[in-house]
PDB file of N, CA and C in Angstrom:
ATOM      1  N   ILE A   1       9.876  22.603 -12.232  1.00  0.00           N
ATOM      2  CA  ILE A   1       9.983  21.469 -11.099  1.00  0.00           C
ATOM      3  C   ILE A   1      10.189  22.365 -10.115  1.00  0.00           C
ATOM      4  N   ILE A   2       9.550  21.385  -8.654  1.00  0.00           N
ATOM      5  CA  ILE A   2       9.353  22.019  -7.295  1.00  0.00           C
ATOM      6  C   ILE A   2       9.415  20.753  -6.086  1.00  0.00           C
ATOM      7  N   GLU A   3      10.539  21.042  -5.787  1.00  0.00           N
ATOM      8  CA  GLU A   3      10.580  19.450  -4.545  1.00  0.00           C
ATOM      9  C   GLU A   3       9.695  19.976  -3.329  1.00  0.00           C
ATOM     10  N   ILE A   4       9.053  21.634  -3.702  1.00  0.00           N
ATOM     11  CA  ILE A   4       8.510  21.522  -2.079  1.00  0.00           C
ATOM     12  C   ILE A   4       7.068  21.233  -1.872  1.00  0.00           C
ATOM     13  N   GLN A   5       6.630  20.947  -2.871  1.00  0.00           N
ATOM     14  CA  GLN A   5       5.261  20.132  -2.748  1.00  0.00           C
ATOM     15  C   GLN A   5       5.592  18.563  -2.211  1.00  0.00           C
ATOM     16  N   ASN A   6       6.707  17.889  -2.507  1.00  0.00           N
ATOM     17  CA  ASN A   6       6.699  16.357  -1.397  1.00  0.00           C
ATOM     18  C   ASN A   6       7.351  16.742  -0.397  1.00  0.00           C
ATOM     19  N   GLY A   7       8.145  18.123  -0.174  1.00  0.00           N
ATOM     20  CA  GLY A   7       8.565  18.468   1.225  1.00  0.00           C
ATOM     21  C   GLY A   7       7.872  19.095   2.215  1.00  0.00           C
ATOM     22  N   PRO A   8       7.256  18.885   3.698  1.00  0.00           N
ATOM     23  CA  PRO A   8       6.879  19.456   4.138  1.00  0.00           C
ATOM     24  C   PRO A   8       7.140  20.775   4.169  1.00  0.00           C
ATOM     25  N   TYR A   9       8.214  20.913   4.974  1.00  0.00           N
ATOM     26  CA  TYR A   9       9.746  22.108   5.589  1.00  0.00           C
ATOM     27  C   TYR A   9       9.910  23.039   4.389  1.00  0.00           C
ATOM     28  N   LEU A  10       9.809  23.896   4.600  1.00  0.00           N
ATOM     29  CA  LEU A  10      10.305  25.185   2.632  1.00  0.00           C
ATOM     30  C   LEU A  10      11.652  25.563   3.309  1.00  0.00           C
ATOM     31  N   GLY A  11      12.440  25.356   2.899  1.00  0.00           N
ATOM     32  CA  GLY A  11      14.110  26.437   3.521  1.00  0.00           C
ATOM     33  C   GLY A  11      14.089  27.545   2.839  1.00  0.00           C
ATOM     34  N   GLU A  12      14.929  28.060   3.367  1.00  0.00           N
ATOM     35  CA  GLU A  12      15.363  29.751   2.750  1.00  0.00           C
ATOM     36  C   GLU A  12      15.432  29.843   0.952  1.00  0.00           C
ATOM     37  N   ASP A  13      16.279  28.529   0.755  1.00  0.00           N
ATOM     38  CA  ASP A  13      16.338  28.526  -0.760  1.00  0.00           C
ATOM     39  C   ASP A  13      14.918  28.101  -1.244  1.00  0.00           C
ATOM     40  N   ASP A  14      14.368  27.492  -0.588  1.00  0.00           N
ATOM     41  CA  ASP A  14      13.285  27.163  -1.286  1.00  0.00           C
ATOM     42  C   ASP A  14      11.963  28.142  -1.359  1.00  0.00           C
ATOM     43  N   ILE A  15      12.092  28.711  -0.312  1.00  0.00           N
ATOM     44  CA  ILE A  15      11.120  29.862   0.024  1.00  0.00           C
ATOM     45  C   ILE A  15      11.323  30.979  -1.181  1.00  0.00           C
ATOM     46  N   VAL A  16      12.432  31.538  -1.691  1.00  0.00           N
ATOM     47  CA  VAL A  16      12.951  32.344  -2.422  1.00  0.00           C
ATOM     48  C   VAL A  16      12.756  31.451  -3.818  1.00  0.00           C
ATOM     49  N   ARG A  17      12.425  30.494  -4.036  1.00  0.00           N
ATOM     50  CA  ARG A  17      11.948  29.489  -4.932  1.00  0.00           C
ATOM     51  C   ARG A  17      10.633  30.152  -5.032  1.00  0.00           C
ATOM     52  N   LEU A  18      10.097  29.669  -4.034  1.00  0.00           N
ATOM     53  CA  LEU A  18       8.408  30.008  -4.035  1.00  0.00           C
ATOM     54  C   LEU A  18       7.925  31.630  -4.490  1.00  0.00           C
ATOM     55  N   GLN A  19       8.588  32.032  -4.310  1.00  0.00           N
ATOM     56  CA  GLN A  19       8.102  33.635  -4.442  1.00  0.00           C
ATOM     57  C   GLN A  19       8.275  33.914  -5.829  1.00  0.00           C
ATOM     58  N   ASP A  20       9.040  33.149  -6.360  1.00  0.00           N
ATOM     59  CA  ASP A  20       9.417  33.586  -7.816  1.00  0.00           C
ATOM     60  C   ASP A  20       8.228  32.740  -8.281  1.00  0.00           C
ATOM     61  N   ASP A  21       8.167  31.547  -7.848  1.00  0.00           N
ATOM     62  CA  ASP A  21       7.278  30.143  -8.278  1.00  0.00           C
ATOM     63  C   ASP A  21       5.734  31.151  -8.412  1.00  0.00           C
ATOM     64  N   PHE A  22       5.218  31.388  -7.313  1.00  0.00           N
ATOM     65  CA  PHE A  22       4.272  31.529  -7.027  1.00  0.00           C
ATOM     66  C   PHE A  22       3.483  33.092  -7.795  1.00  0.00           C
ATOM     67  N   GLY A  23       4.646  34.044  -8.454  1.00  0.00           N
ATOM     68  CA  GLY A  23       3.798  34.906  -9.026  1.00  0.00           C
ATOM     69  C   GLY A  23       3.463  33.911 -10.564  1.00  0.00           C
ATOM     70  N   ARG A  24       3.893  32.731 -10.552  1.00  0.00           N
ATOM     71  CA  ARG A  24       3.525  32.108 -11.837  1.00  0.00           C
ATOM     72  C   ARG A  24       2.454  30.924 -12.018  1.00  0.00           C
ATOM     73  N   LEU A  25       3.084  29.967 -11.015  1.00  0.00           N
ATOM     74  CA  LEU A  25       2.412  29.068 -10.497  1.00  0.00           C
ATOM     75  C   LEU A  25       1.840  29.212  -9.163  1.00  0.00           C
ATOM     76  N   ARG A  26       0.262  28.694  -9.575  1.00  0.00           N
ATOM     77  CA  ARG A  26      -0.508  28.751  -7.899  1.00  0.00           C
ATOM     78  C   ARG A  26       0.213  27.366  -7.347  1.00  0.00           C
ATOM     79  N   PRO A  27      -0.078  27.620  -5.592  1.00  0.00           N
ATOM     80  CA  PRO A  27       0.077  26.718  -4.564  1.00  0.00           C
ATOM     81  C   PRO A  27      -1.106  25.454  -4.745  1.00  0.00           C
ATOM     82  N   SER A  28      -0.564  24.330  -5.028  1.00  0.00           N
ATOM     83  CA  SER A  28      -1.401  23.045  -4.775  1.00  0.00           C
ATOM     84  C   SER A  28      -1.935  22.819  -3.728  1.00  0.00           C
ATOM     85  N   ARG A  29      -2.024  23.650  -2.609  1.00  0.00           N
ATOM     86  CA  ARG A  29      -2.122  23.435  -1.443  1.00  0.00           C
ATOM     87  C   ARG A  29      -3.101  23.872  -1.235  1.00  0.00           C
TER      88      ARG A  29
END
């Protein structure tokens, strides 16, 4: 579950999760 998709701003904590998710999930952006 990623809340980043709903938030236009990425926090440092979100970025760390993004990097981890990026390896497995593709950005819907």
